[in-house]
Amino acid sequence: MNELVVQTAGLTKRHGSRLAVDRVDLTVRRGEVYGFLGPNGAGKTTTLRMLLGLIRPTSGTATVLGGAAGSPAVMERIGALVEGPGFMPYLSGRDNLRVLARYRELPEVVVDEALERVDLAARGGDAFRAYSLGMKQRLGVAAALLGDPELIVLDEPTNGLDPAGMASMRSLVVDLARGGQTVLLSSHLLGEVQEICHRVGVISEGRLLRESTVAELLGTPRLRVHAEPVSEALGVARRFAEDVVVEHGELLVALAPELAPALVRELVAHDVDVHSVRHGDRSLEDVFFEMTTGGAVAQKETVS
């Protein structure tokens, strides 16, 4: 999974005096699900549009599938859903996909295959204008899947989906990567990204703040220990881990979960009452908040 499918260098876009994307260096590897995260207006969609050749960068470069972003030879190998689906309202979902398939000189069988993959086969004959927001979004994803593209770019693919639809879409994205396709998606649903993405890029105010695996972003696993007296528990816990803090009267211990029993035994041996031990890992949402606001999620207190 080391071959680069997307690589940008100093990618920049200005709209007049406003800097929308600021010298972004992005890398997406073959076969991975890459999550592109950022607040509204951070520059996510603008970056995706530059990768697809829909707008030109002010400066910098973007290489996609070994060629120039937006070139016809490259676009033949990409499927994309950016800024919501656009279809002819009077045609059925199936006929809309047939038009796209004919334009790309694809066999008609790919239409029904794509509808099946997004759970729209039963409603493929309905007019697009009768579709719910979630159904329209799924049809947009189906269009992106036509022809089994090497790279699939999805801008908020679960927008408008109900919980069951979101779970289905999540499963589909994972299956695409398992089949060797590469998925680059933007999303504001951080828990979902945490669950399905191999690597993520965090963008804020046009700048790429961090690019790494989800595990690297989350850092060392933590245990949240409710034990009393706190000062005695803190002393014992620091024999197991250097990174121990007190938060809201509980210990946050940077310690692998499998070492929890040994920690509990040691606390009890020192006459510390252990009320509970549970996972205290930061979520991707916590990390995202810290990176994009520069603040900590919760106020820590130090006990000496």
Protein backbone atom coordinates (compact mmCIF):
# COMPACT_ATOMS: atom_id res chain seq x y z
CA MET A 1 0.00 0.00 0.00
CA ASN A 2 2.95 2.34 -0.63
CA GLU A 3 2.21 3.36 -4.23
CA LEU A 4 0.93 6.93 -4.30
CA VAL A 5 -2.36 7.41 -6.12
CA VAL A 6 -2.67 11.09 -5.20
CA GLN A 7 0.18 13.47 -4.45
CA THR A 8 0.09 17.23 -4.18
CA ALA A 9 2.94 19.65 -3.63
CA GLY A 10 2.27 23.18 -2.41
CA LEU A 11 -1.27 23.02 -3.78
CA THR A 12 -2.78 26.48 -3.40
CA LYS A 13 -6.02 28.15 -4.43
CA ARG A 14 -6.93 31.80 -4.06
CA HIS A 15 -10.34 33.32 -4.67
CA GLY A 16 -9.45 36.97 -5.06
CA SER A 17 -7.85 38.02 -1.79
CA ARG A 18 -9.09 34.92 0.08
CA LEU A 19 -6.72 31.99 0.46
CA ALA A 20 -8.95 28.90 0.24
CA VAL A 21 -6.21 26.24 0.11
CA ASP A 22 -2.75 27.03 1.43
CA ARG A 23 0.23 24.97 0.18
CA VAL A 24 -1.29 21.54 0.83
CA ASP A 25 0.98 18.49 0.53
CA LEU A 26 -1.36 15.50 0.38
CA THR A 27 -0.60 11.81 -0.22
CA VAL A 28 -3.09 9.02 -0.80
CA ARG A 29 -1.81 5.46 -1.17
CA ARG A 30 -3.23 2.73 -3.35
CA GLY A 31 -5.83 0.50 -1.70
CA GLU A 32 -6.50 2.69 1.33
CA VAL A 33 -9.49 4.61 2.60
CA TYR A 34 -8.26 8.16 3.19
CA GLY A 35 -10.40 10.45 5.32
CA PHE A 36 -10.20 14.18 4.58
CA LEU A 37 -11.39 16.07 7.65
CA GLY A 38 -12.00 19.70 8.36
CA PRO A 39 -14.60 22.24 9.52
CA ASN A 40 -16.99 23.75 6.99
CA GLY A 41 -15.07 26.18 4.81
CA ALA A 42 -11.72 24.59 5.63
CA GLY A 43 -10.87 23.91 1.98
CA LYS A 44 -11.84 20.24 1.63
CA THR A 45 -14.14 20.53 -1.37
CA THR A 46 -11.89 23.06 -3.08
CA THR A 47 -9.00 20.62 -2.77
CA LEU A 48 -11.08 17.74 -4.16
CA ARG A 49 -12.22 19.91 -7.08
CA MET A 50 -8.58 20.68 -7.93
CA LEU A 51 -7.73 16.96 -7.82
CA LEU A 52 -10.54 16.30 -10.30
CA GLY A 53 -9.54 19.14 -12.62
CA LEU A 54 -12.79 21.01 -12.01
CA ILE A 55 -10.88 24.15 -11.01
CA ARG A 56 -7.28 25.16 -11.58
CA PRO A 57 -4.87 25.70 -8.69
CA THR A 58 -3.36 29.13 -8.25
CA SER A 59 0.00 27.45 -7.66
CA GLY A 60 1.45 24.08 -6.78
CA THR A 61 0.93 20.71 -8.43
CA ALA A 62 -1.41 17.73 -8.17
CA THR A 63 -0.58 14.30 -9.56
CA VAL A 64 -3.37 11.73 -9.70
CA LEU A 65 -2.84 8.11 -10.82
CA GLY A 66 0.53 9.10 -12.21
CA GLY A 67 -0.80 11.90 -14.44
CA ALA A 68 -1.89 15.51 -14.31
CA ALA A 69 -5.05 16.15 -12.31
CA GLY A 70 -8.06 16.50 -14.60
CA SER A 71 -6.43 15.08 -17.73
CA PRO A 72 -8.78 12.86 -19.81
CA ALA A 73 -6.57 9.78 -19.41
CA VAL A 74 -6.67 10.16 -15.63
CA MET A 75 -10.39 10.98 -15.37
CA GLU A 76 -11.28 7.74 -17.16
CA ARG A 77 -9.93 5.90 -14.12
CA ILE A 78 -11.72 7.98 -11.46
CA GLY A 79 -15.24 7.94 -10.07
CA ALA A 80 -16.41 10.94 -8.06
CA LEU A 81 -19.27 12.43 -6.09
CA VAL A 82 -18.50 16.04 -5.16
CA GLU A 83 -20.91 18.67 -3.81
CA GLY A 84 -23.97 16.47 -4.15
CA PRO A 85 -25.36 14.49 -7.10
CA GLY A 86 -26.79 16.17 -10.17
CA PHE A 87 -29.15 14.15 -12.38
CA MET A 88 -32.02 14.72 -14.81
CA PRO A 89 -35.11 14.84 -12.58
CA TYR A 90 -37.58 13.39 -15.10
CA LEU A 91 -35.49 10.25 -15.76
CA SER A 92 -35.45 7.24 -13.48
CA GLY A 93 -32.40 6.51 -11.40
CA ARG A 94 -31.56 3.60 -13.70
CA ASP A 95 -31.95 5.69 -16.86
CA ASN A 96 -29.77 8.44 -15.43
CA LEU A 97 -27.01 5.88 -14.90
CA ARG A 98 -27.59 4.46 -18.38
CA VAL A 99 -26.93 7.90 -19.87
CA LEU A 100 -23.66 8.13 -17.96
CA ALA A 101 -22.67 4.59 -18.92
CA ARG A 102 -23.31 5.23 -22.63
CA TYR A 103 -21.35 8.47 -22.50
CA ARG A 104 -18.40 6.52 -21.05
CA GLU A 105 -18.94 3.62 -23.48
CA LEU A 106 -19.56 1.16 -20.65
CA PRO A 107 -21.77 -1.92 -21.00
CA GLU A 108 -25.29 -1.53 -19.62
CA VAL A 109 -24.75 -4.35 -17.13
CA VAL A 110 -22.65 -1.98 -14.97
CA VAL A 111 -25.78 0.07 -14.24
CA ASP A 112 -27.63 -2.68 -12.41
CA GLU A 113 -24.43 -3.74 -10.66
CA ALA A 114 -23.96 -0.20 -9.32
CA LEU A 115 -27.60 0.04 -8.20
CA GLU A 116 -27.24 -3.26 -6.32
CA ARG A 117 -24.13 -2.07 -4.54
CA VAL A 118 -25.90 0.96 -3.11
CA ASP A 119 -29.18 -0.85 -2.33
CA LEU A 120 -31.21 1.01 -4.96
CA ALA A 121 -32.06 -1.84 -7.31
CA ALA A 122 -35.69 -1.97 -6.16
CA ARG A 123 -36.16 1.78 -6.73
CA GLY A 124 -34.09 2.10 -9.89
CA GLY A 125 -37.21 2.56 -12.02
CA ASP A 126 -38.49 5.52 -10.00
CA ALA A 127 -38.01 9.07 -11.25
CA PHE A 128 -35.06 10.84 -9.71
CA ARG A 129 -37.28 13.74 -8.62
CA ALA A 130 -39.23 11.31 -6.38
CA TYR A 131 -36.08 10.21 -4.54
CA SER A 132 -35.42 11.22 -0.94
CA LEU A 133 -32.21 13.08 -0.14
CA GLY A 134 -30.59 9.84 0.98
CA MET A 135 -31.63 8.01 -2.20
CA LYS A 136 -30.24 10.82 -4.34
CA GLN A 137 -26.97 10.57 -2.45
CA ARG A 138 -26.82 6.80 -2.98
CA LEU A 139 -27.49 7.24 -6.70
CA GLY A 140 -24.59 9.71 -6.80
CA VAL A 141 -22.33 7.09 -5.23
CA ALA A 142 -23.62 4.51 -7.73
CA ALA A 143 -22.60 6.86 -10.55
CA ALA A 144 -19.12 7.13 -9.04
CA LEU A 145 -18.83 3.33 -9.03
CA LEU A 146 -19.62 2.85 -12.73
CA GLY A 147 -16.80 1.03 -14.49
CA ASP A 148 -14.95 0.01 -11.29
CA PRO A 149 -12.63 3.07 -11.17
CA GLU A 150 -9.22 2.79 -9.54
CA LEU A 151 -9.81 5.91 -7.43
CA ILE A 152 -13.16 6.90 -5.94
CA VAL A 153 -13.57 10.42 -4.57
CA LEU A 154 -16.57 10.94 -2.30
CA ASP A 155 -17.54 14.27 -0.77
CA GLU A 156 -19.71 13.59 2.32
CA PRO A 157 -21.06 10.27 0.97
CA THR A 158 -23.37 9.61 3.95
CA ASN A 159 -25.11 12.98 3.75
CA GLY A 160 -28.87 12.47 4.09
CA LEU A 161 -28.68 8.76 4.89
CA ASP A 162 -30.51 7.19 7.82
CA PRO A 163 -28.53 5.04 10.31
CA ALA A 164 -29.11 1.86 8.28
CA GLY A 165 -28.03 3.60 5.09
CA MET A 166 -24.94 4.98 6.79
CA ALA A 167 -23.97 1.50 7.99
CA SER A 168 -24.48 0.13 4.47
CA MET A 169 -22.37 2.91 2.95
CA ARG A 170 -19.64 2.33 5.51
CA SER A 171 -19.59 -1.36 4.64
CA LEU A 172 -19.45 -0.53 0.93
CA VAL A 173 -16.44 1.76 1.35
CA VAL A 174 -14.58 -0.92 3.31
CA ASP A 175 -15.38 -3.51 0.62
CA LEU A 176 -14.11 -1.20 -2.12
CA ALA A 177 -10.73 -0.91 -0.40
CA ARG A 178 -10.58 -4.66 0.21
CA GLY A 179 -11.13 -5.14 -3.51
CA GLY A 180 -8.10 -2.99 -4.31
CA GLN A 181 -9.81 0.30 -5.09
CA THR A 182 -8.69 3.50 -3.40
CA VAL A 183 -11.22 5.74 -1.66
CA LEU A 184 -10.66 9.40 -0.82
CA LEU A 185 -13.57 10.76 1.17
CA SER A 186 -14.37 13.91 3.05
CA SER A 187 -16.67 13.66 6.04
CA HIS A 188 -17.75 15.53 9.14
CA LEU A 189 -18.78 12.27 10.87
CA LEU A 190 -15.59 11.72 12.80
CA GLY A 191 -16.67 8.51 14.51
CA GLU A 192 -17.39 7.00 11.13
CA VAL A 193 -14.02 8.07 9.73
CA GLN A 194 -12.31 6.63 12.79
CA GLU A 195 -13.98 3.30 12.09
CA ILE A 196 -13.24 2.86 8.38
CA CYS A 197 -10.24 5.01 7.37
CA HIS A 198 -6.64 3.85 7.20
CA ARG A 199 -5.19 7.36 7.20
CA VAL A 200 -6.59 10.84 7.60
CA GLY A 201 -5.65 14.38 6.68
CA VAL A 202 -6.87 17.21 8.89
CA ILE A 203 -7.33 20.58 7.17
CA SER A 204 -8.26 23.90 8.76
CA GLU A 205 -8.33 27.38 7.23
CA GLY A 206 -6.86 25.93 4.04
CA ARG A 207 -3.80 24.37 5.71
CA LEU A 208 -3.15 20.66 6.15
CA LEU A 209 -2.45 20.37 9.87
CA ARG A 210 -1.65 16.69 10.04
CA GLU A 211 -1.61 13.58 7.89
CA SER A 212 -1.19 10.20 9.56
CA THR A 213 -2.87 6.94 10.47
CA VAL A 214 -5.86 7.09 12.78
CA ALA A 215 -3.91 5.13 15.40
CA GLU A 216 -1.07 7.68 15.33
CA LEU A 217 -3.52 10.54 15.75
CA LEU A 218 -5.23 8.90 18.72
CA GLY A 219 -1.93 8.16 20.42
CA THR A 220 -1.23 5.69 23.22
CA PRO A 221 -4.25 3.76 24.57
CA ARG A 222 -5.49 5.08 27.92
CA LEU A 223 -7.28 3.65 30.92
CA ARG A 224 -9.66 5.75 32.97
CA VAL A 225 -9.40 4.66 36.61
CA HIS A 226 -11.75 5.77 39.38
CA ALA A 227 -9.84 5.01 42.58
CA GLU A 228 -9.50 6.56 46.06
CA PRO A 229 -7.58 8.10 47.62
CA VAL A 230 -6.55 9.78 44.39
CA SER A 231 -3.09 10.87 45.57
CA GLU A 232 -2.15 7.30 46.56
CA ALA A 233 -3.60 5.88 43.34
CA LEU A 234 -1.59 8.42 41.33
CA GLY A 235 1.66 7.29 42.95
CA VAL A 236 0.95 3.63 42.17
CA ALA A 237 -0.12 4.36 38.59
CA ARG A 238 3.07 6.29 37.89
CA ARG A 239 5.04 3.09 38.51
CA PHE A 240 3.25 1.62 35.50
CA ALA A 241 3.23 4.59 33.14
CA GLU A 242 4.95 7.95 32.82
CA ASP A 243 1.90 9.63 31.33
CA VAL A 244 -0.67 9.82 34.11
CA VAL A 245 -2.99 12.77 34.73
CA VAL A 246 -6.00 13.41 36.95
CA GLU A 247 -9.16 14.49 35.16
CA HIS A 248 -12.42 15.13 37.01
CA GLY A 249 -11.22 13.08 39.99
CA GLU A 250 -10.19 10.06 37.88
CA LEU A 251 -6.82 8.88 36.63
CA LEU A 252 -6.08 8.85 32.92
CA VAL A 253 -3.26 6.33 32.53
CA ALA A 254 -1.42 5.83 29.22
CA LEU A 255 -1.39 2.05 29.51
CA ALA A 256 -2.39 -0.82 27.23
CA PRO A 257 -5.72 -2.42 28.26
CA GLU A 258 -4.12 -5.83 28.81
CA LEU A 259 -2.09 -4.37 31.69
CA ALA A 260 -5.22 -3.22 33.54
CA PRO A 261 -5.44 -6.33 35.80
CA ALA A 262 -1.85 -5.85 37.01
CA LEU A 263 -2.52 -2.18 37.76
CA VAL A 264 -5.68 -3.05 39.71
CA ARG A 265 -3.85 -5.70 41.77
CA GLU A 266 -1.15 -3.18 42.66
CA LEU A 267 -3.68 -0.53 43.63
CA VAL A 268 -5.54 -2.95 45.90
CA ALA A 269 -2.26 -4.10 47.44
CA HIS A 270 -1.66 -0.47 48.47
CA ASP A 271 -5.10 -0.20 50.12
CA VAL A 272 -6.53 1.88 47.27
CA ASP A 273 -10.26 1.42 46.63
CA VAL A 274 -10.82 0.78 42.92
CA HIS A 275 -14.34 1.74 41.86
CA SER A 276 -14.03 1.31 38.10
CA VAL A 277 -11.58 0.84 35.24
CA ARG A 278 -12.59 1.54 31.64
CA HIS A 279 -11.17 2.62 28.33
CA GLY A 280 -10.32 6.31 28.36
CA ASP A 281 -8.97 6.71 24.85
CA ARG A 282 -9.41 9.99 23.08
CA SER A 283 -11.79 9.86 20.17
CA LEU A 284 -10.95 11.25 16.76
CA GLU A 285 -13.43 14.00 17.58
CA ASP A 286 -11.31 14.99 20.61
CA VAL A 287 -8.14 15.11 18.51
CA PHE A 288 -9.89 17.00 15.73
CA PHE A 289 -11.19 19.60 18.17
CA GLU A 290 -7.75 20.08 19.70
CA MET A 291 -6.07 20.47 16.32
CA THR A 292 -8.59 22.83 14.75
CA THR A 293 -9.18 25.05 17.79
CA GLY A 294 -5.81 24.82 19.49
CA GLY A 295 -7.50 24.01 22.79
CA ALA A 296 -7.71 20.97 25.00
CA VAL A 297 -10.94 19.02 25.19
CA ALA A 298 -10.98 18.87 28.94
CA GLN A 299 -9.22 20.80 31.63
CA LYS A 300 -6.56 18.67 33.35
CA GLU A 301 -5.56 19.11 36.98
CA THR A 302 -2.20 18.17 38.39
CA VAL A 303 -1.87 16.33 41.68
CA SER A 304 1.52 16.04 43.29
